Amino acid sequence: MRARCLHDALERLTAAIRDVESELAAMKAEHDPLASHIFVSRRYYRCANDTKSGKRRETMARLSFNTACELGFRGSLDELERLMGAVARR
């Protein structure tokens, strides 16, 4: 009796694992435009040759922030700069 219950539970678990794996595969196949934008912006931000005043990076961060907001980013400019690897302001 118990062996049958255990076998049924294992079958349900196996089916659930297959469902989760198929959903993960579907999620990996889809590209998130916001995540892609942040990834590319991070690379450009870190490789930018900046001036002493930091205006070039500040301008890049603001332009990136505007694009990120259009793609659904709900954070602030400071949060986006943190994601891009900027040094915290003092």
PDB file of N, CA and C in Angstrom:
ATOM      1  N   MET A   1       0.830  -1.193   0.000  1.00  0.00           N
ATOM      2  CA  MET A   1       0.000   0.000   0.000  1.00  0.00           C
ATOM      3  C   MET A   1       0.872   1.253   0.000  1.00  0.00           C
ATOM      4  N   ARG A   2       1.818   1.316   0.921  1.00  0.00           N
ATOM      5  CA  ARG A   2       2.694   2.484   0.997  1.00  0.00           C
ATOM      6  C   ARG A   2       3.591   2.588  -0.225  1.00  0.00           C
ATOM      7  N   ALA A   3       4.000   1.464  -0.751  1.00  0.00           N
ATOM      8  CA  ALA A   3       4.864   1.490  -1.926  1.00  0.00           C
ATOM      9  C   ALA A   3       4.133   2.121  -3.111  1.00  0.00           C
ATOM     10  N   ARG A   4       2.846   1.828  -3.234  1.00  0.00           N
ATOM     11  CA  ARG A   4       2.057   2.400  -4.328  1.00  0.00           C
ATOM     12  C   ARG A   4       1.919   3.915  -4.162  1.00  0.00           C
ATOM     13  N   CYS A   5       1.675   4.389  -2.937  1.00  0.00           N
ATOM     14  CA  CYS A   5       1.574   5.829  -2.673  1.00  0.00           C
ATOM     15  C   CYS A   5       2.897   6.529  -2.971  1.00  0.00           C
ATOM     16  N   LEU A   6       3.995   5.896  -2.585  1.00  0.00           N
ATOM     17  CA  LEU A   6       5.309   6.468  -2.847  1.00  0.00           C
ATOM     18  C   LEU A   6       5.571   6.532  -4.349  1.00  0.00           C
ATOM     19  N   HIS A   7       5.193   5.475  -5.041  1.00  0.00           N
ATOM     20  CA  HIS A   7       5.380   5.442  -6.497  1.00  0.00           C
ATOM     21  C   HIS A   7       4.553   6.543  -7.174  1.00  0.00           C
ATOM     22  N   ASP A   8       3.316   6.742  -6.742  1.00  0.00           N
ATOM     23  CA  ASP A   8       2.465   7.793  -7.311  1.00  0.00           C
ATOM     24  C   ASP A   8       3.045   9.183  -7.037  1.00  0.00           C
ATOM     25  N   ALA A   9       3.541   9.374  -5.826  1.00  0.00           N
ATOM     26  CA  ALA A   9       4.132  10.664  -5.468  1.00  0.00           C
ATOM     27  C   ALA A   9       5.378  10.940  -6.313  1.00  0.00           C
ATOM     28  N   LEU A  10       6.195   9.916  -6.529  1.00  0.00           N
ATOM     29  CA  LEU A  10       7.383  10.081  -7.362  1.00  0.00           C
ATOM     30  C   LEU A  10       7.015  10.394  -8.809  1.00  0.00           C
ATOM     31  N   GLU A  11       5.953   9.806  -9.324  1.00  0.00           N
ATOM     32  CA  GLU A  11       5.504  10.107 -10.681  1.00  0.00           C
ATOM     33  C   GLU A  11       5.031  11.554 -10.797  1.00  0.00           C
ATOM     34  N   ARG A  12       4.298  12.020  -9.790  1.00  0.00           N
ATOM     35  CA  ARG A  12       3.841  13.422  -9.798  1.00  0.00           C
ATOM     36  C   ARG A  12       5.028  14.373  -9.707  1.00  0.00           C
ATOM     37  N   LEU A  13       5.999  14.012  -8.885  1.00  0.00           N
ATOM     38  CA  LEU A  13       7.202  14.831  -8.745  1.00  0.00           C
ATOM     39  C   LEU A  13       7.983  14.879 -10.057  1.00  0.00           C
ATOM     40  N   THR A  14       8.112  13.755 -10.705  1.00  0.00           N
ATOM     41  CA  THR A  14       8.811  13.702 -11.988  1.00  0.00           C
ATOM     42  C   THR A  14       8.107  14.564 -13.032  1.00  0.00           C
ATOM     43  N   ALA A  15       6.785  14.506 -13.068  1.00  0.00           N
ATOM     44  CA  ALA A  15       6.017  15.326 -14.008  1.00  0.00           C
ATOM     45  C   ALA A  15       6.195  16.811 -13.697  1.00  0.00           C
ATOM     46  N   ALA A  16       6.195  17.159 -12.413  1.00  0.00           N
ATOM     47  CA  ALA A  16       6.383  18.559 -12.014  1.00  0.00           C
ATOM     48  C   ALA A  16       7.782  19.053 -12.395  1.00  0.00           C
ATOM     49  N   ILE A  17       8.781  18.212 -12.220  1.00  0.00           N
ATOM     50  CA  ILE A  17      10.147  18.589 -12.585  1.00  0.00           C
ATOM     51  C   ILE A  17      10.243  18.812 -14.086  1.00  0.00           C
ATOM     52  N   ARG A  18       9.600  17.960 -14.879  1.00  0.00           N
ATOM     53  CA  ARG A  18       9.603  18.142 -16.331  1.00  0.00           C
ATOM     54  C   ARG A  18       8.925  19.457 -16.714  1.00  0.00           C
ATOM     55  N   ASP A  19       7.831  19.790 -16.048  1.00  0.00           N
ATOM     56  CA  ASP A  19       7.147  21.054 -16.325  1.00  0.00           C
ATOM     57  C   ASP A  19       8.045  22.252 -16.023  1.00  0.00           C
ATOM     58  N   VAL A  20       8.715  22.210 -14.892  1.00  0.00           N
ATOM     59  CA  VAL A  20       9.612  23.306 -14.503  1.00  0.00           C
ATOM     60  C   VAL A  20      10.766  23.421 -15.488  1.00  0.00           C
ATOM     61  N   GLU A  21      11.342  22.295 -15.882  1.00  0.00           N
ATOM     62  CA  GLU A  21      12.451  22.329 -16.831  1.00  0.00           C
ATOM     63  C   GLU A  21      12.012  22.892 -18.182  1.00  0.00           C
ATOM     64  N   SER A  22      10.809  22.548 -18.622  1.00  0.00           N
ATOM     65  CA  SER A  22      10.332  23.084 -19.897  1.00  0.00           C
ATOM     66  C   SER A  22      10.072  24.585 -19.803  1.00  0.00           C
ATOM     67  N   GLU A  23       9.550  25.057 -18.674  1.00  0.00           N
ATOM     68  CA  GLU A  23       9.345  26.493 -18.481  1.00  0.00           C
ATOM     69  C   GLU A  23      10.677  27.235 -18.439  1.00  0.00           C
ATOM     70  N   LEU A  24      11.671  26.657 -17.778  1.00  0.00           N
ATOM     71  CA  LEU A  24      12.997  27.291 -17.737  1.00  0.00           C
ATOM     72  C   LEU A  24      13.610  27.366 -19.132  1.00  0.00           C
ATOM     73  N   ALA A  25      13.442  26.327 -19.907  1.00  0.00           N
ATOM     74  CA  ALA A  25      13.962  26.342 -21.278  1.00  0.00           C
ATOM     75  C   ALA A  25      13.269  27.425 -22.103  1.00  0.00           C
ATOM     76  N   ALA A  26      11.965  27.587 -21.911  1.00  0.00           N
ATOM     77  CA  ALA A  26      11.236  28.631 -22.635  1.00  0.00           C
ATOM     78  C   ALA A  26      11.700  30.017 -22.204  1.00  0.00           C
ATOM     79  N   MET A  27      11.955  30.203 -20.906  1.00  0.00           N
ATOM     80  CA  MET A  27      12.423  31.499 -20.418  1.00  0.00           C
ATOM     81  C   MET A  27      13.813  31.813 -20.952  1.00  0.00           C
ATOM     82  N   LYS A  28      14.673  30.804 -21.045  1.00  0.00           N
ATOM     83  CA  LYS A  28      16.019  31.025 -21.558  1.00  0.00           C
ATOM     84  C   LYS A  28      15.986  31.368 -23.040  1.00  0.00           C
ATOM     85  N   ALA A  29      15.005  30.852 -23.752  1.00  0.00           N
ATOM     86  CA  ALA A  29      14.901  31.121 -25.191  1.00  0.00           C
ATOM     87  C   ALA A  29      14.473  32.559 -25.463  1.00  0.00           C
ATOM     88  N   GLU A  30      13.711  33.154 -24.538  1.00  0.00           N
ATOM     89  CA  GLU A  30      13.259  34.536 -24.697  1.00  0.00           C
ATOM     90  C   GLU A  30      14.368  35.489 -24.240  1.00  0.00           C
ATOM     91  N   HIS A  31      14.536  36.575 -24.962  1.00  0.00           N
ATOM     92  CA  HIS A  31      15.529  37.577 -24.586  1.00  0.00           C
ATOM     93  C   HIS A  31      14.820  38.749 -23.923  1.00  0.00           C
ATOM     94  N   ASP A  32      15.361  39.171 -22.797  1.00  0.00           N
ATOM     95  CA  ASP A  32      14.817  40.308 -22.071  1.00  0.00           C
ATOM     96  C   ASP A  32      15.509  41.576 -22.571  1.00  0.00           C
ATOM     97  N   PRO A  33      14.779  42.472 -23.237  1.00  0.00           N
ATOM     98  CA  PRO A  33      15.425  43.658 -23.797  1.00  0.00           C
ATOM     99  C   PRO A  33      16.036  44.568 -22.730  1.00  0.00           C
ATOM    100  N   LEU A  34      15.417  44.657 -21.560  1.00  0.00           N
ATOM    101  CA  LEU A  34      15.974  45.504 -20.497  1.00  0.00           C
ATOM    102  C   LEU A  34      17.290  44.938 -19.990  1.00  0.00           C
ATOM    103  N   ALA A  35      17.333  43.635 -19.766  1.00  0.00           N
ATOM    104  CA  ALA A  35      18.572  43.016 -19.291  1.00  0.00           C
ATOM    105  C   ALA A  35      19.686  43.156 -20.329  1.00  0.00           C
ATOM    106  N   SER A  36      19.334  43.002 -21.591  1.00  0.00           N
ATOM    107  CA  SER A  36      20.334  43.165 -22.656  1.00  0.00           C
ATOM    108  C   SER A  36      20.853  44.600 -22.693  1.00  0.00           C
ATOM    109  N   HIS A  37      19.953  45.560 -22.537  1.00  0.00           N
ATOM    110  CA  HIS A  37      20.365  46.969 -22.541  1.00  0.00           C
ATOM    111  C   HIS A  37      21.304  47.259 -21.373  1.00  0.00           C
ATOM    112  N   ILE A  38      20.975  46.776 -20.190  1.00  0.00           N
ATOM    113  CA  ILE A  38      21.820  47.024 -19.020  1.00  0.00           C
ATOM    114  C   ILE A  38      23.186  46.368 -19.216  1.00  0.00           C
ATOM    115  N   PHE A  39      23.203  45.164 -19.767  1.00  0.00           N
ATOM    116  CA  PHE A  39      24.468  44.469 -20.004  1.00  0.00           C
ATOM    117  C   PHE A  39      25.363  45.254 -20.959  1.00  0.00           C
ATOM    118  N   VAL A  40      24.813  45.703 -22.076  1.00  0.00           N
ATOM    119  CA  VAL A  40      25.592  46.456 -23.059  1.00  0.00           C
ATOM    120  C   VAL A  40      25.999  47.811 -22.488  1.00  0.00           C
ATOM    121  N   SER A  41      25.089  48.492 -21.805  1.00  0.00           N
ATOM    122  CA  SER A  41      25.400  49.795 -21.212  1.00  0.00           C
ATOM    123  C   SER A  41      26.501  49.689 -20.180  1.00  0.00           C
ATOM    124  N   ARG A  42      26.490  48.602 -19.414  1.00  0.00           N
ATOM    125  CA  ARG A  42      27.523  48.392 -18.407  1.00  0.00           C
ATOM    126  C   ARG A  42      28.898  48.305 -19.064  1.00  0.00           C
ATOM    127  N   ARG A  43      28.990  47.576 -20.165  1.00  0.00           N
ATOM    128  CA  ARG A  43      30.260  47.427 -20.862  1.00  0.00           C
ATOM    129  C   ARG A  43      30.745  48.779 -21.397  1.00  0.00           C
ATOM    130  N   TYR A  44      29.848  49.535 -22.040  1.00  0.00           N
ATOM    131  CA  TYR A  44      30.220  50.846 -22.572  1.00  0.00           C
ATOM    132  C   TYR A  44      30.585  51.817 -21.457  1.00  0.00           C
ATOM    133  N   TYR A  45      29.843  51.768 -20.356  1.00  0.00           N
ATOM    134  CA  TYR A  45      30.072  52.684 -19.242  1.00  0.00           C
ATOM    135  C   TYR A  45      31.446  52.448 -18.632  1.00  0.00           C
ATOM    136  N   ARG A  46      31.801  51.193 -18.452  1.00  0.00           N
ATOM    137  CA  ARG A  46      33.078  50.884 -17.824  1.00  0.00           C
ATOM    138  C   ARG A  46      34.266  51.157 -18.732  1.00  0.00           C
ATOM    139  N   CYS A  47      34.066  51.056 -20.048  1.00  0.00           N
ATOM    140  CA  CYS A  47      35.165  51.259 -21.002  1.00  0.00           C
ATOM    141  C   CYS A  47      35.305  52.710 -21.448  1.00  0.00           C
ATOM    142  N   ALA A  48      34.416  53.571 -21.005  1.00  0.00           N
ATOM    143  CA  ALA A  48      34.430  54.963 -21.471  1.00  0.00           C
ATOM    144  C   ALA A  48      35.621  55.716 -20.887  1.00  0.00           C
ATOM    145  N   ASN A  49      36.289  56.468 -21.753  1.00  0.00           N
ATOM    146  CA  ASN A  49      37.339  57.377 -21.295  1.00  0.00           C
ATOM    147  C   ASN A  49      36.652  58.652 -20.837  1.00  0.00           C
ATOM    148  N   ASP A  50      36.788  58.953 -19.574  1.00  0.00           N
ATOM    149  CA  ASP A  50      36.043  60.071 -19.011  1.00  0.00           C
ATOM    150  C   ASP A  50      36.939  61.280 -18.791  1.00  0.00           C
ATOM    151  N   THR A  51      36.308  62.433 -18.666  1.00  0.00           N
ATOM    152  CA  THR A  51      37.013  63.671 -18.367  1.00  0.00           C
ATOM    153  C   THR A  51      37.162  63.784 -16.848  1.00  0.00           C
ATOM    154  N   LYS A  52      37.874  64.807 -16.414  1.00  0.00           N
ATOM    155  CA  LYS A  52      38.063  64.986 -14.978  1.00  0.00           C
ATOM    156  C   LYS A  52      36.756  65.235 -14.244  1.00  0.00           C
ATOM    157  N   SER A  53      35.860  65.942 -14.892  1.00  0.00           N
ATOM    158  CA  SER A  53      34.607  66.279 -14.216  1.00  0.00           C
ATOM    159  C   SER A  53      33.611  65.119 -14.216  1.00  0.00           C
ATOM    160  N   GLY A  54      33.814  64.118 -15.069  1.00  0.00           N
ATOM    161  CA  GLY A  54      32.908  62.975 -15.108  1.00  0.00           C
ATOM    162  C   GLY A  54      31.664  63.200 -15.934  1.00  0.00           C
ATOM    163  N   LYS A  55      31.666  64.244 -16.744  1.00  0.00           N
ATOM    164  CA  LYS A  55      30.469  64.587 -17.531  1.00  0.00           C
ATOM    165  C   LYS A  55      30.137  63.522 -18.573  1.00  0.00           C
ATOM    166  N   ARG A  56      31.142  62.920 -19.177  1.00  0.00           N
ATOM    167  CA  ARG A  56      30.875  61.942 -20.228  1.00  0.00           C
ATOM    168  C   ARG A  56      30.131  60.736 -19.668  1.00  0.00           C
ATOM    169  N   ARG A  57      30.573  60.229 -18.537  1.00  0.00           N
ATOM    170  CA  ARG A  57      29.884  59.086 -17.926  1.00  0.00           C
ATOM    171  C   ARG A  57      28.509  59.489 -17.416  1.00  0.00           C
ATOM    172  N   GLU A  58      28.402  60.688 -16.901  1.00  0.00           N
ATOM    173  CA  GLU A  58      27.098  61.158 -16.428  1.00  0.00           C
ATOM    174  C   GLU A  58      26.105  61.231 -17.587  1.00  0.00           C
ATOM    175  N   THR A  59      26.563  61.743 -18.731  1.00  0.00           N
ATOM    176  CA  THR A  59      25.693  61.821 -19.907  1.00  0.00           C
ATOM    177  C   THR A  59      25.315  60.425 -20.393  1.00  0.00           C
ATOM    178  N   MET A  60      26.289  59.507 -20.412  1.00  0.00           N
ATOM    179  CA  MET A  60      25.996  58.127 -20.820  1.00  0.00           C
ATOM    180  C   MET A  60      24.975  57.494 -19.885  1.00  0.00           C
ATOM    181  N   ALA A  61      25.119  57.745 -18.588  1.00  0.00           N
ATOM    182  CA  ALA A  61      24.192  57.168 -17.614  1.00  0.00           C
ATOM    183  C   ALA A  61      22.779  57.715 -17.806  1.00  0.00           C
ATOM    184  N   ARG A  62      22.667  59.010 -18.061  1.00  0.00           N
ATOM    185  CA  ARG A  62      21.335  59.604 -18.267  1.00  0.00           C
ATOM    186  C   ARG A  62      20.672  59.074 -19.534  1.00  0.00           C
ATOM    187  N   LEU A  63      21.432  58.967 -20.620  1.00  0.00           N
ATOM    188  CA  LEU A  63      20.870  58.427 -21.857  1.00  0.00           C
ATOM    189  C   LEU A  63      20.464  56.970 -21.683  1.00  0.00           C
ATOM    190  N   SER A  64      21.294  56.221 -20.976  1.00  0.00           N
ATOM    191  CA  SER A  64      20.974  54.826 -20.711  1.00  0.00           C
ATOM    192  C   SER A  64      19.745  54.717 -19.819  1.00  0.00           C
ATOM    193  N   PHE A  65      19.636  55.628 -18.861  1.00  0.00           N
ATOM    194  CA  PHE A  65      18.479  55.627 -17.966  1.00  0.00           C
ATOM    195  C   PHE A  65      17.196  55.889 -18.745  1.00  0.00           C
ATOM    196  N   ASN A  66      17.236  56.839 -19.674  1.00  0.00           N
ATOM    197  CA  ASN A  66      16.045  57.125 -20.483  1.00  0.00           C
ATOM    198  C   ASN A  66      15.622  55.908 -21.294  1.00  0.00           C
ATOM    199  N   THR A  67      16.586  55.237 -21.908  1.00  0.00           N
ATOM    200  CA  THR A  67      16.276  54.033 -22.684  1.00  0.00           C
ATOM    201  C   THR A  67      15.745  52.930 -21.780  1.00  0.00           C
ATOM    202  N   ALA A  68      16.361  52.768 -20.608  1.00  0.00           N
ATOM    203  CA  ALA A  68      15.922  51.732 -19.678  1.00  0.00           C
ATOM    204  C   ALA A  68      14.492  51.994 -19.197  1.00  0.00           C
ATOM    205  N   CYS A  69      14.157  53.248 -18.972  1.00  0.00           N
ATOM    206  CA  CYS A  69      12.790  53.579 -18.561  1.00  0.00           C
ATOM    207  C   CYS A  69      11.787  53.228 -19.654  1.00  0.00           C
ATOM    208  N   GLU A  70      12.171  53.447 -20.908  1.00  0.00           N
ATOM    209  CA  GLU A  70      11.290  53.074 -22.018  1.00  0.00           C
ATOM    210  C   GLU A  70      11.104  51.563 -22.089  1.00  0.00           C
ATOM    211  N   LEU A  71      12.121  50.806 -21.633  1.00  0.00           N
ATOM    212  CA  LEU A  71      12.044  49.345 -21.659  1.00  0.00           C
ATOM    213  C   LEU A  71      11.403  48.766 -20.413  1.00  0.00           C
ATOM    214  N   GLY A  72      11.016  49.622 -19.460  1.00  0.00           N
ATOM    215  CA  GLY A  72      10.299  49.147 -18.282  1.00  0.00           C
ATOM    216  C   GLY A  72      11.062  49.203 -16.972  1.00  0.00           C
ATOM    217  N   PHE A  73      12.220  49.850 -16.940  1.00  0.00           N
ATOM    218  CA  PHE A  73      12.983  49.973 -15.696  1.00  0.00           C
ATOM    219  C   PHE A  73      12.231  50.895 -14.752  1.00  0.00           C
ATOM    220  N   ARG A  74      12.078  50.484 -13.507  1.00  0.00           N
ATOM    221  CA  ARG A  74      11.291  51.266 -12.553  1.00  0.00           C
ATOM    222  C   ARG A  74      12.130  51.898 -11.452  1.00  0.00           C
ATOM    223  N   GLY A  75      13.430  51.744 -11.531  1.00  0.00           N
ATOM    224  CA  GLY A  75      14.290  52.296 -10.498  1.00  0.00           C
ATOM    225  C   GLY A  75      14.686  53.732 -10.791  1.00  0.00           C
ATOM    226  N   SER A  76      15.584  54.238  -9.972  1.00  0.00           N
ATOM    227  CA  SER A  76      16.073  55.608 -10.146  1.00  0.00           C
ATOM    228  C   SER A  76      17.378  55.598 -10.935  1.00  0.00           C
ATOM    229  N   LEU A  77      17.849  56.782 -11.269  1.00  0.00           N
ATOM    230  CA  LEU A  77      19.118  56.917 -11.984  1.00  0.00           C
ATOM    231  C   LEU A  77      20.260  56.354 -11.145  1.00  0.00           C
ATOM    232  N   ASP A  78      20.239  56.590  -9.852  1.00  0.00           N
ATOM    233  CA  ASP A  78      21.287  56.064  -8.973  1.00  0.00           C
ATOM    234  C   ASP A  78      21.304  54.539  -8.979  1.00  0.00           C
ATOM    235  N   GLU A  79      20.133  53.931  -8.999  1.00  0.00           N
ATOM    236  CA  GLU A  79      20.067  52.466  -9.027  1.00  0.00           C
ATOM    237  C   GLU A  79      20.622  51.924 -10.337  1.00  0.00           C
ATOM    238  N   LEU A  80      20.333  52.601 -11.446  1.00  0.00           N
ATOM    239  CA  LEU A  80      20.865  52.163 -12.734  1.00  0.00           C
ATOM    240  C   LEU A  80      22.379  52.323 -12.764  1.00  0.00           C
ATOM    241  N   GLU A  81      22.889  53.425 -12.224  1.00  0.00           N
ATOM    242  CA  GLU A  81      24.340  53.611 -12.163  1.00  0.00           C
ATOM    243  C   GLU A  81      24.990  52.528 -11.318  1.00  0.00           C
ATOM    244  N   ARG A  82      24.327  52.121 -10.245  1.00  0.00           N
ATOM    245  CA  ARG A  82      24.853  51.040  -9.419  1.00  0.00           C
ATOM    246  C   ARG A  82      24.892  49.738 -10.213  1.00  0.00           C
ATOM    247  N   LEU A  83      23.835  49.478 -10.995  1.00  0.00           N
ATOM    248  CA  LEU A  83      23.809  48.274 -11.820  1.00  0.00           C
ATOM    249  C   LEU A  83      24.904  48.285 -12.892  1.00  0.00           C
ATOM    250  N   MET A  84      25.206  49.472 -13.387  1.00  0.00           N
ATOM    251  CA  MET A  84      26.222  49.590 -14.432  1.00  0.00           C
ATOM    252  C   MET A  84      27.627  49.575 -13.850  1.00  0.00           C
ATOM    253  N   GLY A  85      27.765  49.627 -12.548  1.00  0.00           N
ATOM    254  CA  GLY A  85      29.088  49.529 -11.925  1.00  0.00           C
ATOM    255  C   GLY A  85      29.705  50.856 -11.582  1.00  0.00           C
ATOM    256  N   ALA A  86      28.898  51.874 -11.452  1.00  0.00           N
ATOM    257  CA  ALA A  86      29.430  53.195 -11.107  1.00  0.00           C
ATOM    258  C   ALA A  86      29.824  53.224  -9.640  1.00  0.00           C
ATOM    259  N   VAL A  87      30.742  54.099  -9.330  1.00  0.00           N
ATOM    260  CA  VAL A  87      31.158  54.299  -7.949  1.00  0.00           C
ATOM    261  C   VAL A  87      30.088  55.118  -7.245  1.00  0.00           C
ATOM    262  N   ALA A  88      29.772  54.763  -6.025  1.00  0.00           N
ATOM    263  CA  ALA A  88      28.750  55.476  -5.273  1.00  0.00           C
ATOM    264  C   ALA A  88      29.157  56.927  -5.038  1.00  0.00           C
ATOM    265  N   ARG A  89      28.178  57.818  -5.117  1.00  0.00           N
ATOM    266  CA  ARG A  89      28.457  59.237  -4.873  1.00  0.00           C
ATOM    267  C   ARG A  89      28.684  59.496  -3.398  1.00  0.00           C
ATOM    268  N   ARG A  90      29.523  60.483  -3.131  1.00  0.00           N
ATOM    269  CA  ARG A  90      29.822  60.806  -1.715  1.00  0.00           C
ATOM    270  C   ARG A  90      29.104  62.034  -1.302  1.00  0.00           C
TER     271      ARG A  90
END
